[in-house]
Amino acid sequence: MAVLTTAAARRALPPTTGLRKVSAQRPSLVGTAILLLGALYCLLPVAWVVVASTKDAGELFSTFTFAPSTHLWDNVVALSQYRGGLFYRWMLNTAIYAGVGALVSTFVSALSGYVLAKFSFPGKNTVFTVLLMGVLVPGVILAIPQYFLLAQFDLTNSYWSVLLPQLISPYGIYLARIYAAASVPQEVVEAGRTEGAGEWGIFMRLALPMMAPGLVTIFLFQFVAVWNNFMLPYIMLGNDQLFPITVGLSGLLNQGSTVPALYTLVITGALLSIIPLVVLFFALQRFWRVDLAAGAVKS
């Protein structure tokens, strides 16, 4: 009977309905053009860095064209030999700052977001309001107060001075709270409590796997933010052996005003610094599954 009713309803539809659906699905030429211009705007500097890294100092300062040259390997070798391979020390430092900072920050965000989404306690709305205010505060404003605070504990000019301020991300907690509320059904939490599981066990064994796709996004955001961070390590660090790639290349750029040959090292270093981010993005892309928690609650 349901099949007959559906068939009759389909016959009763006006003949233009299908045409309207097809026309609605056609991409807008204006929207496509805007997206293409945006992509060009974002990718053009990357293309310039790729091409510029293949040129030597003479070609770089002559009339520049987008035709690549043949000096990429020479520039990589020169960068590797600069002060005994100091560039790769900067890369290692950046990987430590970004990797450890993003992992710990993602876990803290997941735990905090889960608590804000699934528990009721006095002052919950106030905490969330303060959290939203923290999202609106630029990290640059907090860098100097954080420097004075860490200086009281003699932690400046160390790995801790860059790691500690970045372990808590208000934006990450905000995203985790929204994703926990949407992806972790209350029925699953109650079922875990009924089975005798503790709150920590419920979070680690049930909620955390369900939140995994959202946590991958938070991890990527935080990793890229720490990888590209300049002001905080610039203020905190004075030893160039502890510099991340941003501060190290900035120092090379400043020296380029007296030694122009260093500009090719800066551009080549910028190109090499992009590669880990691209690799990480494609490596984690497969974890973005919106249906990870599908079927967790059976009716």
C-alpha atoms as a PDB file:
ATOM      1  CA  MET A   1       0.000   0.000   0.000  1.00  0.00           C
ATOM      2  CA  ALA A   2       2.912   2.346   0.817  1.00  0.00           C
ATOM      3  CA  VAL A   3       4.468   1.635  -2.595  1.00  0.00           C
ATOM      4  CA  LEU A   4       1.218   2.464  -4.391  1.00  0.00           C
ATOM      5  CA  THR A   5       0.847   5.673  -2.397  1.00  0.00           C
ATOM      6  CA  THR A   6       4.407   6.735  -3.231  1.00  0.00           C
ATOM      7  CA  ALA A   7       3.924   5.988  -6.913  1.00  0.00           C
ATOM      8  CA  ALA A   8       0.687   7.951  -6.977  1.00  0.00           C
ATOM      9  CA  ALA A   9       2.357  10.890  -5.267  1.00  0.00           C
ATOM     10  CA  ARG A  10       5.128  10.875  -7.825  1.00  0.00           C
ATOM     11  CA  ARG A  11       2.608  10.895 -10.676  1.00  0.00           C
ATOM     12  CA  ALA A  12       0.855  13.847  -9.035  1.00  0.00           C
ATOM     13  CA  LEU A  13       3.985  16.002  -9.029  1.00  0.00           C
ATOM     14  CA  PRO A  14       4.042  18.799 -11.601  1.00  0.00           C
ATOM     15  CA  PRO A  15       6.226  18.007 -14.609  1.00  0.00           C
ATOM     16  CA  THR A  16       8.597  20.920 -13.919  1.00  0.00           C
ATOM     17  CA  THR A  17       9.715  19.635 -10.489  1.00  0.00           C
ATOM     18  CA  GLY A  18      12.472  17.445 -11.903  1.00  0.00           C
ATOM     19  CA  LEU A  19      13.703  20.250 -14.118  1.00  0.00           C
ATOM     20  CA  ARG A  20      13.877  22.614 -11.159  1.00  0.00           C
ATOM     21  CA  LYS A  21      15.916  20.092  -9.166  1.00  0.00           C
ATOM     22  CA  VAL A  22      18.370  19.623 -12.016  1.00  0.00           C
ATOM     23  CA  SER A  23      18.736  23.350 -12.588  1.00  0.00           C
ATOM     24  CA  ALA A  24      19.226  23.956  -8.850  1.00  0.00           C
ATOM     25  CA  GLN A  25      22.135  21.528  -8.819  1.00  0.00           C
ATOM     26  CA  ARG A  26      24.010  23.293 -11.620  1.00  0.00           C
ATOM     27  CA  PRO A  27      27.016  25.219 -10.339  1.00  0.00           C
ATOM     28  CA  SER A  28      26.819  28.972 -10.437  1.00  0.00           C
ATOM     29  CA  LEU A  29      29.300  30.522 -12.854  1.00  0.00           C
ATOM     30  CA  VAL A  30      29.742  33.522 -10.585  1.00  0.00           C
ATOM     31  CA  GLY A  31      30.379  31.335  -7.544  1.00  0.00           C
ATOM     32  CA  THR A  32      32.822  29.164  -9.477  1.00  0.00           C
ATOM     33  CA  ALA A  33      34.679  32.226 -10.731  1.00  0.00           C
ATOM     34  CA  ILE A  34      34.953  33.607  -7.189  1.00  0.00           C
ATOM     35  CA  LEU A  35      36.281  30.275  -5.904  1.00  0.00           C
ATOM     36  CA  LEU A  36      38.823  30.093  -8.723  1.00  0.00           C
ATOM     37  CA  LEU A  37      40.015  33.634  -7.982  1.00  0.00           C
ATOM     38  CA  GLY A  38      40.311  32.760  -4.289  1.00  0.00           C
ATOM     39  CA  ALA A  39      42.298  29.620  -5.114  1.00  0.00           C
ATOM     40  CA  LEU A  40      44.571  31.627  -7.408  1.00  0.00           C
ATOM     41  CA  TYR A  41      45.076  34.245  -4.704  1.00  0.00           C
ATOM     42  CA  CYS A  42      46.107  31.554  -2.198  1.00  0.00           C
ATOM     43  CA  LEU A  43      48.244  29.427  -4.527  1.00  0.00           C
ATOM     44  CA  LEU A  44      50.103  32.171  -6.390  1.00  0.00           C
ATOM     45  CA  PRO A  45      52.523  32.938  -3.499  1.00  0.00           C
ATOM     46  CA  VAL A  46      53.201  29.208  -3.101  1.00  0.00           C
ATOM     47  CA  ALA A  47      53.951  28.920  -6.814  1.00  0.00           C
ATOM     48  CA  TRP A  48      56.268  31.930  -6.558  1.00  0.00           C
ATOM     49  CA  VAL A  49      58.203  30.300  -3.693  1.00  0.00           C
ATOM     50  CA  VAL A  50      58.549  27.053  -5.671  1.00  0.00           C
ATOM     51  CA  VAL A  51      59.881  28.860  -8.734  1.00  0.00           C
ATOM     52  CA  ALA A  52      62.083  31.306  -6.783  1.00  0.00           C
ATOM     53  CA  SER A  53      63.751  28.461  -4.881  1.00  0.00           C
ATOM     54  CA  THR A  54      65.109  27.121  -8.185  1.00  0.00           C
ATOM     55  CA  LYS A  55      67.021  30.367  -8.941  1.00  0.00           C
ATOM     56  CA  ASP A  56      70.382  31.579  -7.753  1.00  0.00           C
ATOM     57  CA  ALA A  57      70.976  35.042  -6.294  1.00  0.00           C
ATOM     58  CA  GLY A  58      71.694  36.636  -9.680  1.00  0.00           C
ATOM     59  CA  GLU A  59      68.530  35.282 -11.297  1.00  0.00           C
ATOM     60  CA  LEU A  60      66.438  36.101  -8.243  1.00  0.00           C
ATOM     61  CA  PHE A  61      67.288  39.807  -8.328  1.00  0.00           C
ATOM     62  CA  SER A  62      67.100  40.164 -12.086  1.00  0.00           C
ATOM     63  CA  THR A  63      63.811  40.404 -13.980  1.00  0.00           C
ATOM     64  CA  PHE A  64      61.776  37.624 -12.398  1.00  0.00           C
ATOM     65  CA  THR A  65      59.727  35.203 -14.466  1.00  0.00           C
ATOM     66  CA  PHE A  66      57.780  32.106 -13.541  1.00  0.00           C
ATOM     67  CA  ALA A  67      60.108  29.981 -15.660  1.00  0.00           C
ATOM     68  CA  PRO A  68      61.994  27.679 -13.246  1.00  0.00           C
ATOM     69  CA  SER A  69      65.769  27.496 -13.199  1.00  0.00           C
ATOM     70  CA  THR A  70      68.148  24.642 -12.310  1.00  0.00           C
ATOM     71  CA  HIS A  71      69.624  25.702  -8.961  1.00  0.00           C
ATOM     72  CA  LEU A  72      67.169  24.104  -6.529  1.00  0.00           C
ATOM     73  CA  TRP A  73      69.562  21.380  -5.399  1.00  0.00           C
ATOM     74  CA  ASP A  74      72.420  23.878  -5.067  1.00  0.00           C
ATOM     75  CA  ASN A  75      70.233  26.036  -2.829  1.00  0.00           C
ATOM     76  CA  VAL A  76      69.228  23.035  -0.696  1.00  0.00           C
ATOM     77  CA  VAL A  77      72.886  22.056  -0.269  1.00  0.00           C
ATOM     78  CA  ALA A  78      73.855  25.627   0.668  1.00  0.00           C
ATOM     79  CA  LEU A  79      71.008  25.782   3.187  1.00  0.00           C
ATOM     80  CA  SER A  80      72.058  22.427   4.669  1.00  0.00           C
ATOM     81  CA  GLN A  81      75.628  23.650   5.094  1.00  0.00           C
ATOM     82  CA  TYR A  82      74.688  26.960   6.714  1.00  0.00           C
ATOM     83  CA  ARG A  83      76.254  26.951  10.205  1.00  0.00           C
ATOM     84  CA  GLY A  84      76.582  23.186  10.276  1.00  0.00           C
ATOM     85  CA  GLY A  85      72.973  22.392   9.371  1.00  0.00           C
ATOM     86  CA  LEU A  86      71.318  24.854  11.747  1.00  0.00           C
ATOM     87  CA  PHE A  87      68.247  24.935   9.498  1.00  0.00           C
ATOM     88  CA  TYR A  88      67.425  21.308  10.293  1.00  0.00           C
ATOM     89  CA  ARG A  89      67.775  22.052  13.982  1.00  0.00           C
ATOM     90  CA  TRP A  90      65.122  24.712  13.484  1.00  0.00           C
ATOM     91  CA  MET A  91      62.941  22.182  11.668  1.00  0.00           C
ATOM     92  CA  LEU A  92      63.342  19.697  14.534  1.00  0.00           C
ATOM     93  CA  ASN A  93      62.487  22.359  17.105  1.00  0.00           C
ATOM     94  CA  THR A  94      59.388  23.317  15.122  1.00  0.00           C
ATOM     95  CA  ALA A  95      58.310  19.678  14.902  1.00  0.00           C
ATOM     96  CA  ILE A  96      58.670  19.351  18.682  1.00  0.00           C
ATOM     97  CA  TYR A  97      56.766  22.552  19.397  1.00  0.00           C
ATOM     98  CA  ALA A  98      53.990  21.782  16.905  1.00  0.00           C
ATOM     99  CA  GLY A  99      53.750  18.017  17.436  1.00  0.00           C
ATOM    100  CA  VAL A 100      53.805  17.928  21.225  1.00  0.00           C
ATOM    101  CA  GLY A 101      51.815  21.138  21.568  1.00  0.00           C
ATOM    102  CA  ALA A 102      49.104  20.012  19.128  1.00  0.00           C
ATOM    103  CA  LEU A 103      48.785  16.522  20.663  1.00  0.00           C
ATOM    104  CA  VAL A 104      48.456  17.752  24.239  1.00  0.00           C
ATOM    105  CA  SER A 105      46.238  20.658  23.219  1.00  0.00           C
ATOM    106  CA  THR A 106      43.933  18.335  21.273  1.00  0.00           C
ATOM    107  CA  PHE A 107      43.561  15.991  24.243  1.00  0.00           C
ATOM    108  CA  VAL A 108      42.897  18.883  26.628  1.00  0.00           C
ATOM    109  CA  SER A 109      40.357  20.307  24.171  1.00  0.00           C
ATOM    110  CA  ALA A 110      38.634  16.924  23.819  1.00  0.00           C
ATOM    111  CA  LEU A 111      38.359  16.405  27.562  1.00  0.00           C
ATOM    112  CA  SER A 112      37.217  19.967  28.243  1.00  0.00           C
ATOM    113  CA  GLY A 113      34.724  19.965  25.371  1.00  0.00           C
ATOM    114  CA  TYR A 114      33.280  16.622  26.467  1.00  0.00           C
ATOM    115  CA  VAL A 115      32.807  17.867  30.039  1.00  0.00           C
ATOM    116  CA  LEU A 116      31.130  21.068  28.858  1.00  0.00           C
ATOM    117  CA  ALA A 117      28.839  19.126  26.511  1.00  0.00           C
ATOM    118  CA  LYS A 118      27.796  16.197  28.723  1.00  0.00           C
ATOM    119  CA  PHE A 119      27.912  17.428  32.326  1.00  0.00           C
ATOM    120  CA  SER A 120      25.890  19.983  34.234  1.00  0.00           C
ATOM    121  CA  PHE A 121      27.613  21.944  36.989  1.00  0.00           C
ATOM    122  CA  PRO A 122      27.314  25.394  38.579  1.00  0.00           C
ATOM    123  CA  GLY A 123      28.871  28.111  36.462  1.00  0.00           C
ATOM    124  CA  LYS A 124      28.902  26.053  33.260  1.00  0.00           C
ATOM    125  CA  ASN A 125      27.470  28.853  31.131  1.00  0.00           C
ATOM    126  CA  THR A 126      29.902  31.332  32.667  1.00  0.00           C
ATOM    127  CA  VAL A 127      32.831  29.074  31.823  1.00  0.00           C
ATOM    128  CA  PHE A 128      31.629  28.755  28.239  1.00  0.00           C
ATOM    129  CA  THR A 129      31.157  32.527  27.943  1.00  0.00           C
ATOM    130  CA  VAL A 130      34.693  33.161  29.188  1.00  0.00           C
ATOM    131  CA  LEU A 131      35.887  30.540  26.713  1.00  0.00           C
ATOM    132  CA  LEU A 132      34.218  32.401  23.845  1.00  0.00           C
ATOM    133  CA  MET A 133      35.872  35.604  25.019  1.00  0.00           C
ATOM    134  CA  GLY A 134      39.206  33.774  24.916  1.00  0.00           C
ATOM    135  CA  VAL A 135      38.578  32.857  21.287  1.00  0.00           C
ATOM    136  CA  LEU A 136      38.283  36.541  20.419  1.00  0.00           C
ATOM    137  CA  VAL A 137      41.543  37.544  22.130  1.00  0.00           C
ATOM    138  CA  PRO A 138      44.542  37.447  19.720  1.00  0.00           C
ATOM    139  CA  GLY A 139      47.454  35.385  20.960  1.00  0.00           C
ATOM    140  CA  VAL A 140      49.836  38.270  20.198  1.00  0.00           C
ATOM    141  CA  ILE A 141      48.300  40.311  23.020  1.00  0.00           C
ATOM    142  CA  LEU A 142      49.023  37.548  25.538  1.00  0.00           C
ATOM    143  CA  ALA A 143      52.629  36.911  24.484  1.00  0.00           C
ATOM    144  CA  ILE A 144      54.242  39.627  26.620  1.00  0.00           C
ATOM    145  CA  PRO A 145      52.229  38.855  29.813  1.00  0.00           C
ATOM    146  CA  GLN A 146      53.079  35.173  29.311  1.00  0.00           C
ATOM    147  CA  TYR A 147      56.739  36.106  29.009  1.00  0.00           C
ATOM    148  CA  PHE A 148      56.725  37.950  32.348  1.00  0.00           C
ATOM    149  CA  LEU A 149      54.816  35.087  33.991  1.00  0.00           C
ATOM    150  CA  LEU A 150      57.225  32.398  32.784  1.00  0.00           C
ATOM    151  CA  ALA A 151      60.195  34.592  33.652  1.00  0.00           C
ATOM    152  CA  GLN A 152      59.108  34.397  37.290  1.00  0.00           C
ATOM    153  CA  PHE A 153      59.690  30.625  37.125  1.00  0.00           C
ATOM    154  CA  ASP A 154      62.908  30.927  35.090  1.00  0.00           C
ATOM    155  CA  LEU A 155      61.333  29.096  32.141  1.00  0.00           C
ATOM    156  CA  THR A 156      62.074  31.611  29.384  1.00  0.00           C
ATOM    157  CA  ASN A 157      64.590  30.730  26.677  1.00  0.00           C
ATOM    158  CA  SER A 158      63.633  27.054  26.914  1.00  0.00           C
ATOM    159  CA  TYR A 159      61.348  24.592  25.151  1.00  0.00           C
ATOM    160  CA  TRP A 160      58.805  24.992  27.947  1.00  0.00           C
ATOM    161  CA  SER A 161      58.410  28.705  27.264  1.00  0.00           C
ATOM    162  CA  VAL A 162      56.998  27.916  23.801  1.00  0.00           C
ATOM    163  CA  LEU A 163      55.115  24.730  24.686  1.00  0.00           C
ATOM    164  CA  LEU A 164      53.254  25.727  27.859  1.00  0.00           C
ATOM    165  CA  PRO A 165      51.326  28.762  26.499  1.00  0.00           C
ATOM    166  CA  GLN A 166      50.038  26.685  23.574  1.00  0.00           C
ATOM    167  CA  LEU A 167      48.738  23.646  25.453  1.00  0.00           C
ATOM    168  CA  ILE A 168      45.318  25.230  25.974  1.00  0.00           C
ATOM    169  CA  SER A 169      43.419  26.429  22.920  1.00  0.00           C
ATOM    170  CA  PRO A 170      40.079  28.193  23.563  1.00  0.00           C
ATOM    171  CA  TYR A 171      39.087  27.687  19.942  1.00  0.00           C
ATOM    172  CA  GLY A 172      39.949  23.988  20.148  1.00  0.00           C
ATOM    173  CA  ILE A 173      37.850  23.577  23.300  1.00  0.00           C
ATOM    174  CA  TYR A 174      34.983  25.409  21.614  1.00  0.00           C
ATOM    175  CA  LEU A 175      35.103  23.092  18.586  1.00  0.00           C
ATOM    176  CA  ALA A 176      35.415  20.003  20.788  1.00  0.00           C
ATOM    177  CA  ARG A 177      32.406  21.049  22.853  1.00  0.00           C
ATOM    178  CA  ILE A 178      30.257  21.444  19.743  1.00  0.00           C
ATOM    179  CA  TYR A 179      31.449  18.162  18.234  1.00  0.00           C
ATOM    180  CA  ALA A 180      31.024  16.213  21.483  1.00  0.00           C
ATOM    181  CA  ALA A 181      27.432  17.428  21.788  1.00  0.00           C
ATOM    182  CA  ALA A 182      26.688  16.336  18.204  1.00  0.00           C
ATOM    183  CA  SER A 183      28.641  13.074  17.918  1.00  0.00           C
ATOM    184  CA  VAL A 184      28.411  11.457  21.365  1.00  0.00           C
ATOM    185  CA  PRO A 185      24.794  10.378  22.044  1.00  0.00           C
ATOM    186  CA  GLN A 186      23.657  10.667  25.637  1.00  0.00           C
ATOM    187  CA  GLU A 187      22.290   7.124  25.350  1.00  0.00           C
ATOM    188  CA  VAL A 188      25.814   5.778  24.846  1.00  0.00           C
ATOM    189  CA  VAL A 189      27.053   7.620  27.935  1.00  0.00           C
ATOM    190  CA  GLU A 190      24.138   6.312  30.011  1.00  0.00           C
ATOM    191  CA  ALA A 191      24.682   2.783  28.703  1.00  0.00           C
ATOM    192  CA  GLY A 192      28.312   2.949  29.805  1.00  0.00           C
ATOM    193  CA  ARG A 193      27.280   4.093  33.270  1.00  0.00           C
ATOM    194  CA  THR A 194      24.723   1.300  33.475  1.00  0.00           C
ATOM    195  CA  GLU A 195      27.443  -1.229  32.661  1.00  0.00           C
ATOM    196  CA  GLY A 196      29.469   0.088  35.582  1.00  0.00           C
ATOM    197  CA  ALA A 197      32.101   2.019  33.633  1.00  0.00           C
ATOM    198  CA  GLY A 198      33.629   5.067  35.293  1.00  0.00           C
ATOM    199  CA  GLU A 199      33.446   8.525  33.767  1.00  0.00           C
ATOM    200  CA  TRP A 200      37.099   8.376  32.718  1.00  0.00           C
ATOM    201  CA  GLY A 201      36.565   4.993  31.063  1.00  0.00           C
ATOM    202  CA  ILE A 202      33.472   6.252  29.236  1.00  0.00           C
ATOM    203  CA  PHE A 203      35.437   9.204  27.903  1.00  0.00           C
ATOM    204  CA  MET A 204      38.479   7.193  26.825  1.00  0.00           C
ATOM    205  CA  ARG A 205      36.713   4.120  25.392  1.00  0.00           C
ATOM    206  CA  LEU A 206      33.440   5.516  24.055  1.00  0.00           C
ATOM    207  CA  ALA A 207      33.464   9.279  23.623  1.00  0.00           C
ATOM    208  CA  LEU A 208      37.025   9.751  22.360  1.00  0.00           C
ATOM    209  CA  PRO A 209      36.699   7.358  19.369  1.00  0.00           C
ATOM    210  CA  MET A 210      33.386   8.972  18.396  1.00  0.00           C
ATOM    211  CA  MET A 211      34.987  12.409  18.511  1.00  0.00           C
ATOM    212  CA  ALA A 212      37.979  11.304  16.412  1.00  0.00           C
ATOM    213  CA  PRO A 213      37.064  13.078  13.126  1.00  0.00           C
ATOM    214  CA  GLY A 214      36.544  16.373  14.929  1.00  0.00           C
ATOM    215  CA  LEU A 215      39.731  15.913  16.933  1.00  0.00           C
ATOM    216  CA  VAL A 216      41.718  15.420  13.724  1.00  0.00           C
ATOM    217  CA  THR A 217      40.491  18.827  12.588  1.00  0.00           C
ATOM    218  CA  ILE A 218      41.421  20.394  15.939  1.00  0.00           C
ATOM    219  CA  PHE A 219      44.858  18.751  15.785  1.00  0.00           C
ATOM    220  CA  LEU A 220      45.493  20.116  12.289  1.00  0.00           C
ATOM    221  CA  PHE A 221      44.371  23.626  13.245  1.00  0.00           C
ATOM    222  CA  GLN A 222      46.578  23.642  16.319  1.00  0.00           C
ATOM    223  CA  PHE A 223      49.549  22.047  14.549  1.00  0.00           C
ATOM    224  CA  VAL A 224      49.476  24.622  11.758  1.00  0.00           C
ATOM    225  CA  ALA A 225      48.999  27.458  14.266  1.00  0.00           C
ATOM    226  CA  VAL A 226      52.036  26.392  16.299  1.00  0.00           C
ATOM    227  CA  TRP A 227      54.115  25.628  13.194  1.00  0.00           C
ATOM    228  CA  ASN A 228      53.487  29.125  11.825  1.00  0.00           C
ATOM    229  CA  ASN A 229      53.693  30.922  15.163  1.00  0.00           C
ATOM    230  CA  PHE A 230      56.257  33.704  15.198  1.00  0.00           C
ATOM    231  CA  MET A 231      55.598  36.250  17.927  1.00  0.00           C
ATOM    232  CA  LEU A 232      55.579  33.913  20.944  1.00  0.00           C
ATOM    233  CA  PRO A 233      58.918  32.155  20.249  1.00  0.00           C
ATOM    234  CA  TYR A 234      60.413  35.449  19.072  1.00  0.00           C
ATOM    235  CA  ILE A 235      59.699  36.959  22.495  1.00  0.00           C
ATOM    236  CA  MET A 236      60.478  33.865  24.569  1.00  0.00           C
ATOM    237  CA  LEU A 237      63.717  32.639  22.960  1.00  0.00           C
ATOM    238  CA  GLY A 238      67.155  34.185  22.719  1.00  0.00           C
ATOM    239  CA  ASN A 239      69.235  31.130  21.809  1.00  0.00           C
ATOM    240  CA  ASP A 240      69.135  30.418  18.066  1.00  0.00           C
ATOM    241  CA  GLN A 241      69.581  26.702  18.811  1.00  0.00           C
ATOM    242  CA  LEU A 242      66.022  26.754  20.185  1.00  0.00           C
ATOM    243  CA  PHE A 243      64.470  28.794  17.377  1.00  0.00           C
ATOM    244  CA  PRO A 244      61.576  27.390  15.340  1.00  0.00           C
ATOM    245  CA  ILE A 245      61.661  27.730  11.581  1.00  0.00           C
ATOM    246  CA  THR A 246      59.725  31.021  11.541  1.00  0.00           C
ATOM    247  CA  VAL A 247      62.095  32.878  13.850  1.00  0.00           C
ATOM    248  CA  GLY A 248      65.158  31.289  12.252  1.00  0.00           C
ATOM    249  CA  LEU A 249      64.193  32.295   8.720  1.00  0.00           C
ATOM    250  CA  SER A 250      63.300  35.775   9.956  1.00  0.00           C
ATOM    251  CA  GLY A 251      66.833  36.132  11.301  1.00  0.00           C
ATOM    252  CA  LEU A 252      68.255  34.996   7.966  1.00  0.00           C
ATOM    253  CA  LEU A 253      66.034  37.501   6.183  1.00  0.00           C
ATOM    254  CA  ASN A 254      67.368  40.338   8.338  1.00  0.00           C
ATOM    255  CA  GLN A 255      70.941  39.287   7.569  1.00  0.00           C
ATOM    256  CA  GLY A 256      70.102  39.307   3.858  1.00  0.00           C
ATOM    257  CA  SER A 257      70.201  43.107   3.832  1.00  0.00           C
ATOM    258  CA  THR A 258      74.001  42.878   4.145  1.00  0.00           C
ATOM    259  CA  VAL A 259      74.511  39.438   2.534  1.00  0.00           C
ATOM    260  CA  PRO A 260      72.034  39.210  -0.388  1.00  0.00           C
ATOM    261  CA  ALA A 261      73.001  35.596  -1.090  1.00  0.00           C
ATOM    262  CA  LEU A 262      71.111  34.609   2.067  1.00  0.00           C
ATOM    263  CA  TYR A 263      67.805  35.516   0.402  1.00  0.00           C
ATOM    264  CA  THR A 264      67.967  32.334  -1.677  1.00  0.00           C
ATOM    265  CA  LEU A 265      68.438  30.346   1.547  1.00  0.00           C
ATOM    266  CA  VAL A 266      65.375  32.014   3.073  1.00  0.00           C
ATOM    267  CA  ILE A 267      63.205  31.177   0.065  1.00  0.00           C
ATOM    268  CA  THR A 268      64.479  27.596  -0.105  1.00  0.00           C
ATOM    269  CA  GLY A 269      63.889  27.215   3.626  1.00  0.00           C
ATOM    270  CA  ALA A 270      60.343  28.518   3.227  1.00  0.00           C
ATOM    271  CA  LEU A 271      59.712  25.907   0.547  1.00  0.00           C
ATOM    272  CA  LEU A 272      61.071  23.061   2.697  1.00  0.00           C
ATOM    273  CA  SER A 273      59.015  24.244   5.676  1.00  0.00           C
ATOM    274  CA  ILE A 274      55.788  23.813   3.690  1.00  0.00           C
ATOM    275  CA  ILE A 275      56.415  20.152   2.860  1.00  0.00           C
ATOM    276  CA  PRO A 276      55.683  18.710   6.361  1.00  0.00           C
ATOM    277  CA  LEU A 277      52.347  20.543   6.481  1.00  0.00           C
ATOM    278  CA  VAL A 278      51.301  19.176   3.078  1.00  0.00           C
ATOM    279  CA  VAL A 279      52.344  15.634   4.039  1.00  0.00           C
ATOM    280  CA  LEU A 280      50.488  15.858   7.358  1.00  0.00           C
ATOM    281  CA  PHE A 281      47.329  17.123   5.686  1.00  0.00           C
ATOM    282  CA  PHE A 282      47.192  14.249   3.194  1.00  0.00           C
ATOM    283  CA  ALA A 283      48.154  11.691   5.855  1.00  0.00           C
ATOM    284  CA  LEU A 284      45.298  12.721   8.161  1.00  0.00           C
ATOM    285  CA  GLN A 285      42.714  13.391   5.472  1.00  0.00           C
ATOM    286  CA  ARG A 286      41.511   9.782   5.501  1.00  0.00           C
ATOM    287  CA  PHE A 287      40.411  10.143   9.134  1.00  0.00           C
ATOM    288  CA  TRP A 288      37.747  12.695   8.242  1.00  0.00           C
ATOM    289  CA  ARG A 289      34.669  10.498   8.286  1.00  0.00           C
ATOM    290  CA  VAL A 290      31.388  12.095   9.236  1.00  0.00           C
ATOM    291  CA  ASP A 291      29.712   8.725   9.747  1.00  0.00           C
ATOM    292  CA  LEU A 292      32.163   7.353  12.303  1.00  0.00           C
ATOM    293  CA  ALA A 293      29.534   7.255  15.022  1.00  0.00           C
ATOM    294  CA  ALA A 294      26.769   6.025  12.714  1.00  0.00           C
ATOM    295  CA  GLY A 295      25.058   3.049  14.187  1.00  0.00           C
ATOM    296  CA  ALA A 296      26.379   3.620  17.699  1.00  0.00           C
ATOM    297  CA  VAL A 297      22.817   3.872  18.966  1.00  0.00           C
ATOM    298  CA  LYS A 298      20.515   1.139  17.797  1.00  0.00           C
ATOM    299  CA  SER A 299      16.805   1.724  17.833  1.00  0.00           C
END
